[in-house]
């Protein structure tokens, strides 16, 4: 189906699963707070920081599992989100 939807060679280890579940909970909470506060730029920037952090953690996991293409994609998305955060937080 494509690079992002193919089966993984190895399943995620337990610490990475726990970190991903915690990040999902934080992201859902931040999304809810952002919607309640009419998409205030500080909340959107914070949401982008945590989303970039989630992609960065996935990139670390892919690097440890020696999945080079997924590592590059996740690292690139993390960098894009971290750079775009500056447009929200430095208004």
PDB file of N, CA and C in Angstrom:
ATOM      1  N   UNK A   1       0.812  -1.183   0.000  1.00  0.00           N
ATOM      2  CA  UNK A   1       0.000   0.000   0.000  1.00  0.00           C
ATOM      3  C   UNK A   1       0.862   1.255   0.000  1.00  0.00           C
ATOM      4  N   UNK A   2       2.026   1.152   0.518  1.00  0.00           N
ATOM      5  CA  UNK A   2       2.902   2.309   0.525  1.00  0.00           C
ATOM      6  C   UNK A   2       3.882   2.224   1.671  1.00  0.00           C
ATOM      7  N   UNK A   3       4.718   3.201   1.754  1.00  0.00           N
ATOM      8  CA  UNK A   3       5.776   3.196   2.755  1.00  0.00           C
ATOM      9  C   UNK A   3       5.232   3.320   4.176  1.00  0.00           C
ATOM     10  N   UNK A   4       4.234   4.138   4.373  1.00  0.00           N
ATOM     11  CA  UNK A   4       3.750   4.380   5.725  1.00  0.00           C
ATOM     12  C   UNK A   4       2.783   3.313   6.224  1.00  0.00           C
ATOM     13  N   UNK A   5       2.209   2.509   5.323  1.00  0.00           N
ATOM     14  CA  UNK A   5       1.189   1.562   5.736  1.00  0.00           C
ATOM     15  C   UNK A   5       1.618   0.113   5.626  1.00  0.00           C
ATOM     16  N   UNK A   6       2.872  -0.149   5.351  1.00  0.00           N
ATOM     17  CA  UNK A   6       3.316  -1.533   5.269  1.00  0.00           C
ATOM     18  C   UNK A   6       3.566  -2.073   6.668  1.00  0.00           C
ATOM     19  N   UNK A   7       3.526  -3.400   6.788  1.00  0.00           N
ATOM     20  CA  UNK A   7       3.729  -4.016   8.091  1.00  0.00           C
ATOM     21  C   UNK A   7       5.157  -3.793   8.557  1.00  0.00           C
ATOM     22  N   UNK A   8       5.300  -3.643   9.845  1.00  0.00           N
ATOM     23  CA  UNK A   8       6.625  -3.446  10.421  1.00  0.00           C
ATOM     24  C   UNK A   8       7.315  -4.782  10.578  1.00  0.00           C
ATOM     25  N   UNK A   9       8.628  -4.765  10.464  1.00  0.00           N
ATOM     26  CA  UNK A   9       9.406  -5.984  10.661  1.00  0.00           C
ATOM     27  C   UNK A   9       9.371  -6.400  12.125  1.00  0.00           C
ATOM     28  N   UNK A  10       9.492  -5.434  12.997  1.00  0.00           N
ATOM     29  CA  UNK A  10       9.460  -5.691  14.429  1.00  0.00           C
ATOM     30  C   UNK A  10       8.348  -4.864  15.048  1.00  0.00           C
ATOM     31  N   UNK A  11       7.763  -5.421  16.091  1.00  0.00           N
ATOM     32  CA  UNK A  11       6.764  -4.659  16.810  1.00  0.00           C
ATOM     33  C   UNK A  11       7.470  -3.658  17.724  1.00  0.00           C
ATOM     34  N   UNK A  12       6.782  -2.604  18.081  1.00  0.00           N
ATOM     35  CA  UNK A  12       7.368  -1.603  18.972  1.00  0.00           C
ATOM     36  C   UNK A  12       7.649  -2.221  20.334  1.00  0.00           C
ATOM     37  N   UNK A  13       8.730  -1.783  20.942  1.00  0.00           N
ATOM     38  CA  UNK A  13       9.040  -2.272  22.282  1.00  0.00           C
ATOM     39  C   UNK A  13       8.109  -1.600  23.293  1.00  0.00           C
ATOM     40  N   UNK A  14       8.042  -2.171  24.475  1.00  0.00           N
ATOM     41  CA  UNK A  14       7.098  -1.695  25.476  1.00  0.00           C
ATOM     42  C   UNK A  14       7.321  -0.233  25.877  1.00  0.00           C
ATOM     43  N   UNK A  15       8.563   0.223  26.082  1.00  0.00           N
ATOM     44  CA  UNK A  15       8.734   1.647  26.438  1.00  0.00           C
ATOM     45  C   UNK A  15       8.238   2.603  25.344  1.00  0.00           C
ATOM     46  N   UNK A  16       8.448   2.242  24.078  1.00  0.00           N
ATOM     47  CA  UNK A  16       7.976   3.109  22.997  1.00  0.00           C
ATOM     48  C   UNK A  16       6.455   3.096  22.904  1.00  0.00           C
ATOM     49  N   UNK A  17       5.830   1.956  23.194  1.00  0.00           N
ATOM     50  CA  UNK A  17       4.368   1.899  23.204  1.00  0.00           C
ATOM     51  C   UNK A  17       3.802   2.793  24.299  1.00  0.00           C
ATOM     52  N   UNK A  18       4.405   2.731  25.475  1.00  0.00           N
ATOM     53  CA  UNK A  18       3.933   3.555  26.594  1.00  0.00           C
ATOM     54  C   UNK A  18       4.100   5.033  26.266  1.00  0.00           C
ATOM     55  N   UNK A  19       5.241   5.402  25.713  1.00  0.00           N
ATOM     56  CA  UNK A  19       5.482   6.802  25.345  1.00  0.00           C
ATOM     57  C   UNK A  19       4.482   7.252  24.283  1.00  0.00           C
ATOM     58  N   UNK A  20       4.197   6.403  23.299  1.00  0.00           N
ATOM     59  CA  UNK A  20       3.229   6.763  22.259  1.00  0.00           C
ATOM     60  C   UNK A  20       1.833   6.948  22.835  1.00  0.00           C
ATOM     61  N   UNK A  21       1.414   6.090  23.763  1.00  0.00           N
ATOM     62  CA  UNK A  21       0.090   6.249  24.376  1.00  0.00           C
ATOM     63  C   UNK A  21       0.009   7.532  25.197  1.00  0.00           C
ATOM     64  N   UNK A  22       1.073   7.852  25.910  1.00  0.00           N
ATOM     65  CA  UNK A  22       1.092   9.096  26.685  1.00  0.00           C
ATOM     66  C   UNK A  22       1.044  10.303  25.751  1.00  0.00           C
ATOM     67  N   UNK A  23       1.802  10.248  24.656  1.00  0.00           N
ATOM     68  CA  UNK A  23       1.798  11.360  23.693  1.00  0.00           C
ATOM     69  C   UNK A  23       0.422  11.526  23.040  1.00  0.00           C
ATOM     70  N   UNK A  24      -0.247  10.422  22.733  1.00  0.00           N
ATOM     71  CA  UNK A  24      -1.588  10.508  22.146  1.00  0.00           C
ATOM     72  C   UNK A  24      -2.552  11.162  23.128  1.00  0.00           C
ATOM     73  N   UNK A  25      -2.469  10.785  24.403  1.00  0.00           N
ATOM     74  CA  UNK A  25      -3.344  11.389  25.411  1.00  0.00           C
ATOM     75  C   UNK A  25      -3.070  12.885  25.542  1.00  0.00           C
ATOM     76  N   UNK A  26      -1.801  13.271  25.567  1.00  0.00           N
ATOM     77  CA  UNK A  26      -1.447  14.692  25.664  1.00  0.00           C
ATOM     78  C   UNK A  26      -1.928  15.449  24.428  1.00  0.00           C
ATOM     79  N   UNK A  27      -1.747  14.858  23.246  1.00  0.00           N
ATOM     80  CA  UNK A  27      -2.172  15.523  22.013  1.00  0.00           C
ATOM     81  C   UNK A  27      -3.686  15.699  21.962  1.00  0.00           C
ATOM     82  N   UNK A  28      -4.435  14.694  22.403  1.00  0.00           N
ATOM     83  CA  UNK A  28      -5.893  14.831  22.421  1.00  0.00           C
ATOM     84  C   UNK A  28      -6.334  15.908  23.405  1.00  0.00           C
ATOM     85  N   UNK A  29      -5.694  15.967  24.561  1.00  0.00           N
ATOM     86  CA  UNK A  29      -6.014  17.001  25.537  1.00  0.00           C
ATOM     87  C   UNK A  29      -5.686  18.389  24.990  1.00  0.00           C
ATOM     88  N   UNK A  30      -4.523  18.528  24.365  1.00  0.00           N
ATOM     89  CA  UNK A  30      -4.148  19.823  23.783  1.00  0.00           C
ATOM     90  C   UNK A  30      -5.073  20.225  22.639  1.00  0.00           C
ATOM     91  N   UNK A  31      -5.497  19.254  21.838  1.00  0.00           N
ATOM     92  CA  UNK A  31      -6.432  19.559  20.756  1.00  0.00           C
ATOM     93  C   UNK A  31      -7.758  20.060  21.320  1.00  0.00           C
ATOM     94  N   UNK A  32      -8.229  19.416  22.370  1.00  0.00           N
ATOM     95  CA  UNK A  32      -9.472  19.838  23.012  1.00  0.00           C
ATOM     96  C   UNK A  32      -9.338  21.247  23.588  1.00  0.00           C
ATOM     97  N   UNK A  33      -8.225  21.529  24.271  1.00  0.00           N
ATOM     98  CA  UNK A  33      -7.997  22.862  24.842  1.00  0.00           C
ATOM     99  C   UNK A  33      -7.868  23.907  23.736  1.00  0.00           C
ATOM    100  N   UNK A  34      -7.207  23.539  22.637  1.00  0.00           N
ATOM    101  CA  UNK A  34      -7.038  24.464  21.513  1.00  0.00           C
ATOM    102  C   UNK A  34      -8.378  24.825  20.891  1.00  0.00           C
ATOM    103  N   UNK A  35      -9.244  23.838  20.736  1.00  0.00           N
ATOM    104  CA  UNK A  35     -10.566  24.108  20.160  1.00  0.00           C
ATOM    105  C   UNK A  35     -11.389  24.983  21.101  1.00  0.00           C
ATOM    106  N   UNK A  36     -11.313  24.718  22.403  1.00  0.00           N
ATOM    107  CA  UNK A  36     -12.072  25.521  23.367  1.00  0.00           C
ATOM    108  C   UNK A  36     -11.609  26.974  23.401  1.00  0.00           C
ATOM    109  N   UNK A  37     -10.337  27.216  23.159  1.00  0.00           N
ATOM    110  CA  UNK A  37      -9.789  28.573  23.214  1.00  0.00           C
ATOM    111  C   UNK A  37      -9.693  29.224  21.839  1.00  0.00           C
ATOM    112  N   UNK A  38     -10.546  28.814  20.923  1.00  0.00           N
ATOM    113  CA  UNK A  38     -10.646  29.420  19.588  1.00  0.00           C
ATOM    114  C   UNK A  38      -9.323  29.429  18.837  1.00  0.00           C
ATOM    115  N   UNK A  39      -8.594  28.342  18.904  1.00  0.00           N
ATOM    116  CA  UNK A  39      -7.337  28.153  18.172  1.00  0.00           C
ATOM    117  C   UNK A  39      -6.336  29.271  18.448  1.00  0.00           C
ATOM    118  N   UNK A  40      -6.166  29.578  19.713  1.00  0.00           N
ATOM    119  CA  UNK A  40      -5.165  30.551  20.141  1.00  0.00           C
ATOM    120  C   UNK A  40      -3.785  30.070  19.691  1.00  0.00           C
ATOM    121  N   UNK A  41      -2.949  30.996  19.233  1.00  0.00           N
ATOM    122  CA  UNK A  41      -1.672  30.602  18.635  1.00  0.00           C
ATOM    123  C   UNK A  41      -0.731  29.914  19.625  1.00  0.00           C
ATOM    124  N   UNK A  42      -0.822  30.239  20.895  1.00  0.00           N
ATOM    125  CA  UNK A  42       0.042  29.581  21.883  1.00  0.00           C
ATOM    126  C   UNK A  42      -0.323  28.105  22.002  1.00  0.00           C
ATOM    127  N   UNK A  43      -1.612  27.810  22.009  1.00  0.00           N
ATOM    128  CA  UNK A  43      -2.040  26.417  22.127  1.00  0.00           C
ATOM    129  C   UNK A  43      -1.744  25.629  20.853  1.00  0.00           C
ATOM    130  N   UNK A  44      -1.906  26.265  19.710  1.00  0.00           N
ATOM    131  CA  UNK A  44      -1.587  25.591  18.447  1.00  0.00           C
ATOM    132  C   UNK A  44      -0.085  25.327  18.364  1.00  0.00           C
ATOM    133  N   UNK A  45       0.725  26.282  18.795  1.00  0.00           N
ATOM    134  CA  UNK A  45       2.172  26.080  18.815  1.00  0.00           C
ATOM    135  C   UNK A  45       2.582  24.952  19.745  1.00  0.00           C
ATOM    136  N   UNK A  46       1.955  24.893  20.919  1.00  0.00           N
ATOM    137  CA  UNK A  46       2.240  23.809  21.858  1.00  0.00           C
ATOM    138  C   UNK A  46       1.819  22.469  21.277  1.00  0.00           C
ATOM    139  N   UNK A  47       0.700  22.452  20.589  1.00  0.00           N
ATOM    140  CA  UNK A  47       0.240  21.229  19.928  1.00  0.00           C
ATOM    141  C   UNK A  47       1.244  20.779  18.875  1.00  0.00           C
ATOM    142  N   UNK A  48       1.780  21.728  18.107  1.00  0.00           N
ATOM    143  CA  UNK A  48       2.775  21.389  17.089  1.00  0.00           C
ATOM    144  C   UNK A  48       4.074  20.894  17.715  1.00  0.00           C
ATOM    145  N   UNK A  49       4.459  21.445  18.866  1.00  0.00           N
ATOM    146  CA  UNK A  49       5.673  20.979  19.542  1.00  0.00           C
ATOM    147  C   UNK A  49       5.516  19.523  19.955  1.00  0.00           C
ATOM    148  N   UNK A  50       4.383  19.192  20.565  1.00  0.00           N
ATOM    149  CA  UNK A  50       4.174  17.810  20.991  1.00  0.00           C
ATOM    150  C   UNK A  50       4.015  16.869  19.804  1.00  0.00           C
ATOM    151  N   UNK A  51       3.410  17.340  18.719  1.00  0.00           N
ATOM    152  CA  UNK A  51       3.287  16.515  17.522  1.00  0.00           C
ATOM    153  C   UNK A  51       4.656  16.263  16.903  1.00  0.00           C
ATOM    154  N   UNK A  52       5.499  17.290  16.867  1.00  0.00           N
ATOM    155  CA  UNK A  52       6.868  17.111  16.388  1.00  0.00           C
ATOM    156  C   UNK A  52       7.658  16.173  17.280  1.00  0.00           C
ATOM    157  N   UNK A  53       7.442  16.270  18.587  1.00  0.00           N
ATOM    158  CA  UNK A  53       8.098  15.357  19.516  1.00  0.00           C
ATOM    159  C   UNK A  53       7.673  13.921  19.300  1.00  0.00           C
ATOM    160  N   UNK A  54       6.411  13.723  18.980  1.00  0.00           N
ATOM    161  CA  UNK A  54       5.919  12.373  18.693  1.00  0.00           C
ATOM    162  C   UNK A  54       6.587  11.799  17.447  1.00  0.00           C
ATOM    163  N   UNK A  55       6.713  12.611  16.407  1.00  0.00           N
ATOM    164  CA  UNK A  55       7.399  12.150  15.197  1.00  0.00           C
ATOM    165  C   UNK A  55       8.883  11.906  15.463  1.00  0.00           C
ATOM    166  N   UNK A  56       9.482  12.724  16.326  1.00  0.00           N
ATOM    167  CA  UNK A  56      10.894  12.544  16.654  1.00  0.00           C
ATOM    168  C   UNK A  56      11.114  11.239  17.422  1.00  0.00           C
ATOM    169  N   UNK A  57      10.217  10.907  18.327  1.00  0.00           N
ATOM    170  CA  UNK A  57      10.312   9.639  19.058  1.00  0.00           C
ATOM    171  C   UNK A  57      10.157   8.466  18.101  1.00  0.00           C
ATOM    172  N   UNK A  58       9.227   8.580  17.140  1.00  0.00           N
ATOM    173  CA  UNK A  58       9.092   7.527  16.125  1.00  0.00           C
ATOM    174  C   UNK A  58      10.356   7.411  15.282  1.00  0.00           C
ATOM    175  N   UNK A  59      10.994   8.543  14.998  1.00  0.00           N
ATOM    176  CA  UNK A  59      12.238   8.507  14.225  1.00  0.00           C
ATOM    177  C   UNK A  59      13.340   7.793  14.999  1.00  0.00           C
ATOM    178  N   UNK A  60      13.419   8.039  16.303  1.00  0.00           N
ATOM    179  CA  UNK A  60      14.416   7.342  17.122  1.00  0.00           C
ATOM    180  C   UNK A  60      14.161   5.845  17.112  1.00  0.00           C
ATOM    181  N   UNK A  61      12.899   5.462  17.246  1.00  0.00           N
ATOM    182  CA  UNK A  61      12.557   4.036  17.225  1.00  0.00           C
ATOM    183  C   UNK A  61      12.913   3.402  15.883  1.00  0.00           C
ATOM    184  N   UNK A  62      12.630   4.096  14.793  1.00  0.00           N
ATOM    185  CA  UNK A  62      12.971   3.569  13.468  1.00  0.00           C
ATOM    186  C   UNK A  62      14.474   3.486  13.268  1.00  0.00           C
ATOM    187  N   UNK A  63      15.216   4.421  13.826  1.00  0.00           N
ATOM    188  CA  UNK A  63      16.673   4.368  13.740  1.00  0.00           C
ATOM    189  C   UNK A  63      17.215   3.158  14.493  1.00  0.00           C
ATOM    190  N   UNK A  64      16.661   2.887  15.661  1.00  0.00           N
ATOM    191  CA  UNK A  64      17.109   1.735  16.446  1.00  0.00           C
ATOM    192  C   UNK A  64      16.746   0.413  15.779  1.00  0.00           C
ATOM    193  N   UNK A  65      15.629   0.402  15.020  1.00  0.00           N
ATOM    194  CA  UNK A  65      15.213  -0.812  14.306  1.00  0.00           C
ATOM    195  C   UNK A  65      15.825  -0.902  12.914  1.00  0.00           C
ATOM    196  N   UNK A  66      16.679   0.043  12.561  1.00  0.00           N
ATOM    197  CA  UNK A  66      17.366   0.099  11.266  1.00  0.00           C
ATOM    198  C   UNK A  66      16.391   0.150  10.085  1.00  0.00           C
ATOM    199  N   UNK A  67      15.344   0.966  10.229  1.00  0.00           N
ATOM    200  CA  UNK A  67      14.400   1.220   9.143  1.00  0.00           C
ATOM    201  C   UNK A  67      14.705   2.616   8.602  1.00  0.00           C
ATOM    202  N   UNK A  68      15.605   2.690   7.636  1.00  0.00           N
ATOM    203  CA  UNK A  68      16.190   3.957   7.196  1.00  0.00           C
ATOM    204  C   UNK A  68      15.159   4.897   6.559  1.00  0.00           C
ATOM    205  N   UNK A  69      14.297   4.369   5.678  1.00  0.00           N
ATOM    206  CA  UNK A  69      13.349   5.248   4.981  1.00  0.00           C
ATOM    207  C   UNK A  69      12.342   5.860   5.948  1.00  0.00           C
ATOM    208  N   UNK A  70      11.808   5.057   6.844  1.00  0.00           N
ATOM    209  CA  UNK A  70      10.853   5.577   7.816  1.00  0.00           C
ATOM    210  C   UNK A  70      11.524   6.556   8.772  1.00  0.00           C
ATOM    211  N   UNK A  71      12.792   6.308   9.083  1.00  0.00           N
ATOM    212  CA  UNK A  71      13.541   7.219   9.945  1.00  0.00           C
ATOM    213  C   UNK A  71      13.639   8.596   9.302  1.00  0.00           C
ATOM    214  N   UNK A  72      13.977   8.634   8.027  1.00  0.00           N
ATOM    215  CA  UNK A  72      14.135   9.913   7.325  1.00  0.00           C
ATOM    216  C   UNK A  72      12.800  10.647   7.231  1.00  0.00           C
ATOM    217  N   UNK A  73      11.723   9.916   6.943  1.00  0.00           N
ATOM    218  CA  UNK A  73      10.404  10.544   6.835  1.00  0.00           C
ATOM    219  C   UNK A  73       9.970  11.131   8.175  1.00  0.00           C
ATOM    220  N   UNK A  74      10.091  10.348   9.245  1.00  0.00           N
ATOM    221  CA  UNK A  74       9.674  10.837  10.560  1.00  0.00           C
ATOM    222  C   UNK A  74      10.545  11.989  11.045  1.00  0.00           C
ATOM    223  N   UNK A  75      11.838  11.923  10.791  1.00  0.00           N
ATOM    224  CA  UNK A  75      12.723  13.015  11.185  1.00  0.00           C
ATOM    225  C   UNK A  75      12.402  14.286  10.394  1.00  0.00           C
ATOM    226  N   UNK A  76      12.123  14.139   9.104  1.00  0.00           N
ATOM    227  CA  UNK A  76      11.752  15.293   8.282  1.00  0.00           C
ATOM    228  C   UNK A  76      10.459  15.938   8.743  1.00  0.00           C
ATOM    229  N   UNK A  77       9.458  15.115   9.069  1.00  0.00           N
ATOM    230  CA  UNK A  77       8.196  15.666   9.569  1.00  0.00           C
ATOM    231  C   UNK A  77       8.383  16.353  10.918  1.00  0.00           C
ATOM    232  N   UNK A  78       9.225  15.789  11.770  1.00  0.00           N
ATOM    233  CA  UNK A  78       9.492  16.415  13.069  1.00  0.00           C
ATOM    234  C   UNK A  78      10.151  17.779  12.877  1.00  0.00           C
ATOM    235  N   UNK A  79      11.108  17.862  11.973  1.00  0.00           N
ATOM    236  CA  UNK A  79      11.792  19.138  11.723  1.00  0.00           C
ATOM    237  C   UNK A  79      10.821  20.165  11.153  1.00  0.00           C
ATOM    238  N   UNK A  80       9.966  19.740  10.226  1.00  0.00           N
ATOM    239  CA  UNK A  80       8.972  20.656   9.649  1.00  0.00           C
ATOM    240  C   UNK A  80       8.037  21.190  10.727  1.00  0.00           C
ATOM    241  N   UNK A  81       7.584  20.315  11.619  1.00  0.00           N
ATOM    242  CA  UNK A  81       6.676  20.761  12.677  1.00  0.00           C
ATOM    243  C   UNK A  81       7.377  21.677  13.676  1.00  0.00           C
ATOM    244  N   UNK A  82       8.637  21.380  14.009  1.00  0.00           N
ATOM    245  CA  UNK A  82       9.365  22.251  14.933  1.00  0.00           C
ATOM    246  C   UNK A  82       9.609  23.627  14.317  1.00  0.00           C
ATOM    247  N   UNK A  83       9.901  23.679  13.022  1.00  0.00           N
ATOM    248  CA  UNK A  83      10.132  24.966  12.361  1.00  0.00           C
ATOM    249  C   UNK A  83       8.822  25.746  12.232  1.00  0.00           C
ATOM    250  N   UNK A  84       7.729  25.057  11.902  1.00  0.00           N
ATOM    251  CA  UNK A  84       6.451  25.756  11.758  1.00  0.00           C
ATOM    252  C   UNK A  84       5.906  26.227  13.101  1.00  0.00           C
ATOM    253  N   UNK A  85       6.371  25.645  14.183  1.00  0.00           N
ATOM    254  CA  UNK A  85       5.955  26.097  15.513  1.00  0.00           C
ATOM    255  C   UNK A  85       6.377  27.536  15.753  1.00  0.00           C
ATOM    256  N   UNK A  86       7.507  27.920  15.211  1.00  0.00           N
ATOM    257  CA  UNK A  86       7.996  29.283  15.432  1.00  0.00           C
ATOM    258  C   UNK A  86       7.043  30.323  14.860  1.00  0.00           C
ATOM    259  N   UNK A  87       6.316  29.986  13.803  1.00  0.00           N
ATOM    260  CA  UNK A  87       5.373  30.953  13.239  1.00  0.00           C
ATOM    261  C   UNK A  87       4.173  31.163  14.160  1.00  0.00           C
ATOM    262  N   UNK A  88       3.848  30.162  14.978  1.00  0.00           N
ATOM    263  CA  UNK A  88       2.740  30.324  15.913  1.00  0.00           C
ATOM    264  C   UNK A  88       3.175  30.981  17.217  1.00  0.00           C
ATOM    265  N   UNK A  89       4.358  30.645  17.684  1.00  0.00           N
ATOM    266  CA  UNK A  89       4.778  31.131  18.995  1.00  0.00           C
ATOM    267  C   UNK A  89       5.466  32.486  18.948  1.00  0.00           C
ATOM    268  N   UNK A  90       5.975  32.899  17.799  1.00  0.00           N
ATOM    269  CA  UNK A  90       6.696  34.170  17.707  1.00  0.00           C
ATOM    270  C   UNK A  90       5.872  35.267  17.045  1.00  0.00           C
ATOM    271  N   UNK A  91       4.571  35.233  17.222  1.00  0.00           N
ATOM    272  CA  UNK A  91       3.706  36.288  16.672  1.00  0.00           C
ATOM    273  C   UNK A  91       3.788  37.534  17.494  1.00  0.00           C
TER     274      UNK A  91
END
